[in-house]
Amino acid sequence: MEQQILVGDIGGTNVRLALSGRETGALSEIRTYLCADYPTPAAVLQAYGEAVGGLPKEACLAIACPVQGDHISMTNHTWEFSVEQTRQILGLEKLNFINDYTALSMSVPVLGDDDKVQLSSKGEAQPHGPIAIYGPGTGLGVAHLVWSGDKWLSIPGEGGHSDFAPHSELQDKVLKQLRKRFGHVSHERILSGPGLANVYEALCMIEGVEAEVLKPSQITELGLSDRCPICKRTLEIFCAVLGSFGGNLALSMGLLVAFILQAALFRALSTLLRRARSESSLIVKDASTITCPRSQPMRSRQSIRG
């Protein structure tokens, strides 16, 4: 039987875990847990081990925060922990944590043409040109890929915390409302699940109407169905800023930009994203090309050397 390793993704809301074949990357025992249900990452991993009949000896886990040294403090969750103490608690021989967008970035070069959609019509992607990867979730993740001559190197970053710069009078008004609430307004205050709610509530303040308590999924549904004009404007701003942020990443290095959307969200927003492109948010930056990988559930990993 092929040797297994534990792999997973720890976000601000969910923990997704699986067993991966060391040689083939074939995944099995894929399970999802809510972060809020467990006091520590070790507790989640112990619950997973009990569910699958024990943990393998090695694990590599992606996590939504900077990874520097032994101490990890999550950006969008309360968990703080020691990697070494966690390894000892679980009885593992090896335990590695990497930034979640480092993990995502390493998958981009092996995506096929059927796995991605090109949104910008300007230029062609260069085979070994620099790549930026970003995407909204509980926060806004960002990473970069550069070609070293024989392999891709991933450079993690925290670009989601860069300053939001509005591109319209309405965005100016949204920024003013968000600044009253947060002080510093980063792109993550808009380009994330909580960001959708932030923009919706700001627009309600601008319109002088009382905001309903809506989840991001409800804002998306109401906006796309035209049942809520403010929700629709929220989505339009979200897509415009999503494109503008990618264009700024492209300008910084003259690179290919890829943004990651959960598959259902991309299907829902594809029309608005293409409209944002045509209205300049993507094209005005003169990015070489902007692609949107069609995100898939956790699946087999592949080597990207060479």
Protein backbone atom coordinates (compact mmCIF):
# COMPACT_ATOMS: atom_id res chain seq x y z
CA MET A 1 0.00 0.00 0.00
CA GLU A 2 1.25 3.48 -0.87
CA GLN A 3 2.56 5.56 2.00
CA GLN A 4 0.14 8.29 3.06
CA ILE A 5 0.71 11.81 4.30
CA LEU A 6 -1.81 14.15 5.90
CA VAL A 7 -2.59 17.25 3.84
CA GLY A 8 -5.03 20.03 4.44
CA ASP A 9 -6.12 23.64 4.26
CA ILE A 10 -6.82 25.67 7.41
CA GLY A 11 -8.81 28.83 6.71
CA GLY A 12 -10.49 31.34 8.94
CA THR A 13 -13.77 29.40 8.79
CA ASN A 14 -13.11 25.80 7.69
CA VAL A 15 -10.46 23.13 8.00
CA ARG A 16 -10.29 20.71 5.06
CA LEU A 17 -8.22 17.56 5.52
CA ALA A 18 -7.31 14.52 3.44
CA LEU A 19 -4.85 11.68 3.12
CA SER A 20 -2.54 11.92 0.12
CA GLY A 21 -0.49 9.20 -1.51
CA ARG A 22 3.17 10.20 -1.31
CA GLU A 23 3.98 9.18 -4.90
CA THR A 24 0.68 9.55 -6.76
CA GLY A 25 -0.91 12.41 -4.82
CA ALA A 26 -4.20 10.46 -4.87
CA LEU A 27 -6.51 11.83 -2.18
CA SER A 28 -8.81 9.94 0.13
CA GLU A 29 -10.77 10.53 3.34
CA ILE A 30 -11.56 14.15 2.43
CA ARG A 31 -13.38 15.83 5.32
CA THR A 32 -14.31 19.36 6.37
CA TYR A 33 -14.50 20.78 9.90
CA LEU A 34 -15.58 24.15 11.30
CA CYS A 35 -12.79 26.07 13.03
CA ALA A 36 -15.29 27.41 15.57
CA ASP A 37 -16.01 23.89 16.82
CA TYR A 38 -12.45 23.28 18.07
CA PRO A 39 -10.14 25.11 20.51
CA THR A 40 -6.92 24.40 18.58
CA PRO A 41 -5.72 22.97 15.28
CA ALA A 42 -4.40 19.95 17.22
CA ALA A 43 -7.94 19.21 18.40
CA VAL A 44 -9.24 19.22 14.81
CA LEU A 45 -6.45 16.92 13.64
CA GLN A 46 -7.07 14.55 16.54
CA ALA A 47 -10.78 14.39 15.60
CA TYR A 48 -9.81 13.66 12.01
CA GLY A 49 -7.41 10.90 13.12
CA GLU A 50 -10.16 9.28 15.15
CA ALA A 51 -12.52 9.44 12.15
CA VAL A 52 -10.08 7.83 9.68
CA GLY A 53 -8.48 5.25 11.97
CA GLY A 54 -5.29 7.12 12.83
CA LEU A 55 -2.95 9.75 11.44
CA PRO A 56 0.04 9.06 9.19
CA LYS A 57 3.51 10.01 10.43
CA GLU A 58 3.91 13.12 8.26
CA ALA A 59 1.72 16.12 7.53
CA CYS A 60 1.84 19.29 5.44
CA LEU A 61 -0.89 21.84 6.08
CA ALA A 62 -1.68 25.13 4.38
CA ILE A 63 -2.88 27.89 6.68
CA ALA A 64 -4.40 31.33 6.07
CA CYS A 65 -1.75 33.49 7.74
CA PRO A 66 1.97 34.27 7.57
CA VAL A 67 4.20 31.32 8.48
CA GLN A 68 7.47 32.43 10.05
CA GLY A 69 9.12 30.19 12.60
CA ASP A 70 7.50 27.99 15.23
CA HIS A 71 4.80 30.36 16.50
CA ILE A 72 1.73 30.78 14.28
CA SER A 73 -0.98 33.36 14.92
CA MET A 74 -3.92 33.29 12.52
CA THR A 75 -5.01 36.54 10.90
CA ASN A 76 -8.76 35.85 10.67
CA HIS A 77 -9.20 33.47 13.58
CA THR A 78 -8.23 33.31 17.25
CA TRP A 79 -5.92 30.30 17.01
CA GLU A 80 -2.33 30.76 18.16
CA PHE A 81 -0.07 27.75 18.52
CA SER A 82 3.40 26.24 18.37
CA VAL A 83 4.16 23.98 15.41
CA GLU A 84 6.51 21.83 17.49
CA GLN A 85 4.05 21.42 20.37
CA THR A 86 1.33 20.49 17.89
CA ARG A 87 3.63 17.91 16.31
CA GLN A 88 4.34 16.39 19.72
CA ILE A 89 0.67 16.31 20.72
CA LEU A 90 -0.20 14.45 17.52
CA GLY A 91 2.79 12.10 17.66
CA LEU A 92 3.94 13.03 14.15
CA GLU A 93 7.47 12.60 12.84
CA LYS A 94 7.17 15.63 10.54
CA LEU A 95 4.72 18.53 10.55
CA ASN A 96 5.03 21.44 8.12
CA PHE A 97 2.81 24.49 7.83
CA ILE A 98 2.90 26.68 4.71
CA ASN A 99 0.94 29.78 3.77
CA ASP A 100 -2.32 28.86 2.05
CA TYR A 101 -1.62 30.97 -1.01
CA THR A 102 1.84 29.50 -1.27
CA ALA A 103 0.06 26.16 -1.63
CA LEU A 104 -2.47 27.53 -4.12
CA SER A 105 0.19 29.28 -6.17
CA MET A 106 2.12 26.06 -6.70
CA SER A 107 -0.91 24.54 -8.40
CA VAL A 108 -1.36 27.27 -11.01
CA PRO A 109 1.44 26.27 -13.45
CA VAL A 110 0.01 22.76 -13.84
CA LEU A 111 -3.54 23.90 -14.66
CA GLY A 112 -4.65 23.01 -18.17
CA ASP A 113 -6.51 25.27 -20.57
CA ASP A 114 -9.80 23.69 -19.53
CA ASP A 115 -9.11 24.61 -15.91
CA LYS A 116 -9.03 28.38 -16.38
CA VAL A 117 -10.86 31.26 -18.02
CA GLN A 118 -9.14 34.30 -19.56
CA LEU A 119 -10.88 37.55 -18.66
CA SER A 120 -8.50 40.09 -20.20
CA SER A 121 -7.97 40.14 -23.96
CA LYS A 122 -4.68 42.05 -23.84
CA GLY A 123 -1.57 40.08 -24.71
CA GLU A 124 -0.57 36.48 -24.17
CA ALA A 125 0.76 34.81 -21.07
CA GLN A 126 4.50 34.12 -21.14
CA PRO A 127 5.39 30.48 -20.29
CA HIS A 128 7.84 31.39 -17.51
CA GLY A 129 6.73 34.93 -16.72
CA PRO A 130 6.05 35.96 -13.11
CA ILE A 131 2.58 35.07 -11.81
CA ALA A 132 0.50 36.65 -9.07
CA ILE A 133 -2.30 34.68 -7.43
CA TYR A 134 -5.00 36.20 -5.28
CA GLY A 135 -8.50 35.36 -4.14
CA PRO A 136 -11.21 36.26 -1.64
CA GLY A 137 -12.33 34.01 1.19
CA THR A 138 -12.56 34.83 4.88
CA GLY A 139 -9.72 37.22 3.99
CA LEU A 140 -7.88 38.16 0.77
CA GLY A 141 -4.96 35.88 -0.02
CA VAL A 142 -2.03 36.87 -2.24
CA ALA A 143 1.11 35.07 -3.46
CA HIS A 144 3.60 35.30 -6.33
CA LEU A 145 5.39 32.75 -8.47
CA VAL A 146 8.74 33.28 -10.18
CA TRP A 147 10.66 30.91 -12.45
CA SER A 148 14.17 30.12 -11.18
CA GLY A 149 15.40 28.37 -14.30
CA ASP A 150 14.44 24.83 -13.39
CA LYS A 151 11.45 25.17 -11.07
CA TRP A 152 8.81 27.60 -9.82
CA LEU A 153 9.40 29.41 -6.53
CA SER A 154 6.46 30.70 -4.50
CA ILE A 155 6.78 34.01 -2.66
CA PRO A 156 4.04 34.52 -0.06
CA GLY A 157 2.72 37.98 0.72
CA GLU A 158 0.08 39.90 2.63
CA GLY A 159 -1.06 42.13 -0.23
CA GLY A 160 -4.66 41.85 0.92
CA HIS A 161 -3.81 44.41 3.60
CA SER A 162 -2.70 47.04 1.07
CA ASP A 163 -4.64 50.31 0.97
CA PHE A 164 -7.89 50.33 -0.99
CA ALA A 165 -7.93 53.05 -3.67
CA PRO A 166 -11.40 53.88 -5.09
CA HIS A 167 -11.99 54.32 -8.83
CA SER A 168 -15.42 55.99 -8.90
CA GLU A 169 -17.49 58.48 -6.96
CA LEU A 170 -19.55 55.66 -5.46
CA GLN A 171 -16.40 53.83 -4.37
CA ASP A 172 -15.21 57.12 -2.81
CA LYS A 173 -18.38 57.22 -0.73
CA VAL A 174 -17.98 53.57 0.27
CA LEU A 175 -14.40 54.24 1.36
CA LYS A 176 -15.56 57.18 3.47
CA GLN A 177 -18.11 54.98 5.27
CA LEU A 178 -15.64 52.16 5.83
CA ARG A 179 -12.98 54.56 7.10
CA LYS A 180 -15.40 55.78 9.78
CA ARG A 181 -15.81 52.18 10.89
CA PHE A 182 -12.31 50.74 10.53
CA GLY A 183 -9.87 53.63 10.19
CA HIS A 184 -7.47 51.95 7.78
CA VAL A 185 -9.37 50.39 4.86
CA SER A 186 -7.49 47.59 3.13
CA HIS A 187 -8.53 45.69 0.02
CA GLU A 188 -9.47 42.81 2.32
CA ARG A 189 -12.22 44.99 3.83
CA ILE A 190 -13.93 44.67 0.43
CA LEU A 191 -12.54 41.58 -1.30
CA SER A 192 -13.62 38.88 1.14
CA GLY A 193 -16.76 37.26 2.48
CA PRO A 194 -16.97 39.77 5.37
CA GLY A 195 -16.06 42.45 2.81
CA LEU A 196 -19.26 41.85 0.88
CA ALA A 197 -21.19 42.61 4.06
CA ASN A 198 -19.03 45.70 4.68
CA VAL A 199 -19.81 47.12 1.24
CA TYR A 200 -23.51 46.27 1.53
CA GLU A 201 -23.78 48.03 4.90
CA ALA A 202 -21.84 51.04 3.60
CA LEU A 203 -24.18 51.36 0.63
CA CYS A 204 -27.18 51.18 2.94
CA MET A 205 -25.71 54.07 4.96
CA ILE A 206 -25.16 56.05 1.77
CA GLU A 207 -28.73 55.39 0.63
CA GLY A 208 -30.14 56.19 4.08
CA VAL A 209 -31.84 52.81 4.49
CA GLU A 210 -31.59 50.30 7.31
CA ALA A 211 -29.32 47.39 6.49
CA GLU A 212 -30.63 43.87 6.94
CA VAL A 213 -28.45 41.26 8.63
CA LEU A 214 -27.36 39.30 5.56
CA LYS A 215 -24.72 36.63 5.04
CA PRO A 216 -22.37 37.02 2.06
CA SER A 217 -24.18 34.16 0.31
CA GLN A 218 -27.51 35.96 0.77
CA ILE A 219 -26.10 39.23 -0.60
CA THR A 220 -24.84 37.33 -3.64
CA GLU A 221 -28.15 35.55 -4.21
CA LEU A 222 -30.27 38.70 -3.79
CA GLY A 223 -27.97 40.74 -6.01
CA LEU A 224 -27.84 38.24 -8.85
CA SER A 225 -31.62 37.75 -8.82
CA ASP A 226 -32.24 41.53 -8.97
CA ARG A 227 -34.37 41.30 -5.83
CA CYS A 228 -32.18 43.81 -3.98
CA PRO A 229 -30.70 46.79 -5.89
CA ILE A 230 -28.20 47.52 -3.11
CA CYS A 231 -27.00 43.90 -3.12
CA LYS A 232 -26.56 44.14 -6.88
CA ARG A 233 -24.46 47.30 -6.53
CA THR A 234 -22.46 45.52 -3.82
CA LEU A 235 -21.55 42.76 -6.28
CA GLU A 236 -20.70 45.27 -8.99
CA ILE A 237 -18.30 47.07 -6.68
CA PHE A 238 -16.82 43.75 -5.53
CA CYS A 239 -16.11 42.65 -9.11
CA ALA A 240 -14.73 46.04 -10.14
CA VAL A 241 -12.34 46.15 -7.18
CA LEU A 242 -11.38 42.51 -7.76
CA GLY A 243 -10.27 43.44 -11.28
CA SER A 244 -8.56 46.67 -10.23
CA PHE A 245 -6.57 44.89 -7.51
CA GLY A 246 -5.35 42.33 -10.05
CA GLY A 247 -4.37 45.08 -12.46
CA ASN A 248 -2.26 46.72 -9.75
CA LEU A 249 -0.51 43.41 -9.06
CA ALA A 250 0.23 43.11 -12.78
CA LEU A 251 1.72 46.61 -12.92
CA SER A 252 4.07 45.91 -10.03
CA MET A 253 5.97 43.16 -11.88
CA GLY A 254 4.66 43.08 -15.45
CA LEU A 255 3.15 39.70 -14.77
CA LEU A 256 0.37 37.26 -15.42
CA VAL A 257 -2.36 37.56 -12.81
CA ALA A 258 -4.52 34.66 -11.71
CA PHE A 259 -7.29 34.99 -9.20
CA ILE A 260 -8.88 32.07 -7.45
CA LEU A 261 -12.63 31.85 -6.95
CA GLN A 262 -14.63 29.02 -5.50
CA ALA A 263 -16.26 27.30 -8.47
CA ALA A 264 -19.87 28.14 -7.59
CA LEU A 265 -18.97 31.77 -6.87
CA PHE A 266 -17.20 32.11 -10.23
CA ARG A 267 -20.21 30.71 -12.07
CA ALA A 268 -22.43 33.19 -10.24
CA LEU A 269 -20.20 36.22 -10.83
CA SER A 270 -18.79 35.45 -14.28
CA THR A 271 -21.09 37.93 -16.07
CA LEU A 272 -20.27 40.73 -13.65
CA LEU A 273 -16.55 39.94 -13.88
CA ARG A 274 -16.63 40.20 -17.66
CA ARG A 275 -18.56 43.46 -17.36
CA ALA A 276 -15.89 44.79 -15.01
CA ARG A 277 -13.32 43.88 -17.65
CA SER A 278 -15.19 45.73 -20.39
CA GLU A 279 -15.66 48.79 -18.18
CA SER A 280 -11.87 49.11 -17.67
CA SER A 281 -11.12 47.72 -14.22
CA LEU A 282 -8.99 45.00 -15.78
CA ILE A 283 -7.94 46.45 -19.12
CA VAL A 284 -6.89 49.95 -18.01
CA LYS A 285 -4.00 48.44 -16.05
CA ASP A 286 -2.55 46.98 -19.26
CA ALA A 287 -1.95 43.61 -17.62
CA SER A 288 -0.52 41.01 -19.99
CA THR A 289 -3.43 38.71 -19.21
CA ILE A 290 -5.73 37.95 -16.33
CA THR A 291 -7.03 34.45 -15.86
CA CYS A 292 -9.41 32.94 -13.39
CA PRO A 293 -8.72 29.30 -12.53
CA ARG A 294 -11.93 27.36 -12.04
CA SER A 295 -11.37 26.29 -8.44
CA GLN A 296 -12.03 22.64 -7.75
CA PRO A 297 -12.39 20.65 -4.54
CA MET A 298 -9.19 19.26 -3.06
CA ARG A 299 -7.71 16.90 -5.61
CA SER A 300 -4.49 15.11 -6.52
CA ARG A 301 -1.35 17.20 -6.31
CA GLN A 302 1.11 17.30 -9.19
CA SER A 303 4.79 18.09 -9.52
CA ILE A 304 5.57 21.40 -11.24
CA ARG A 305 9.32 21.05 -11.56
CA GLY A 306 10.49 21.89 -15.09
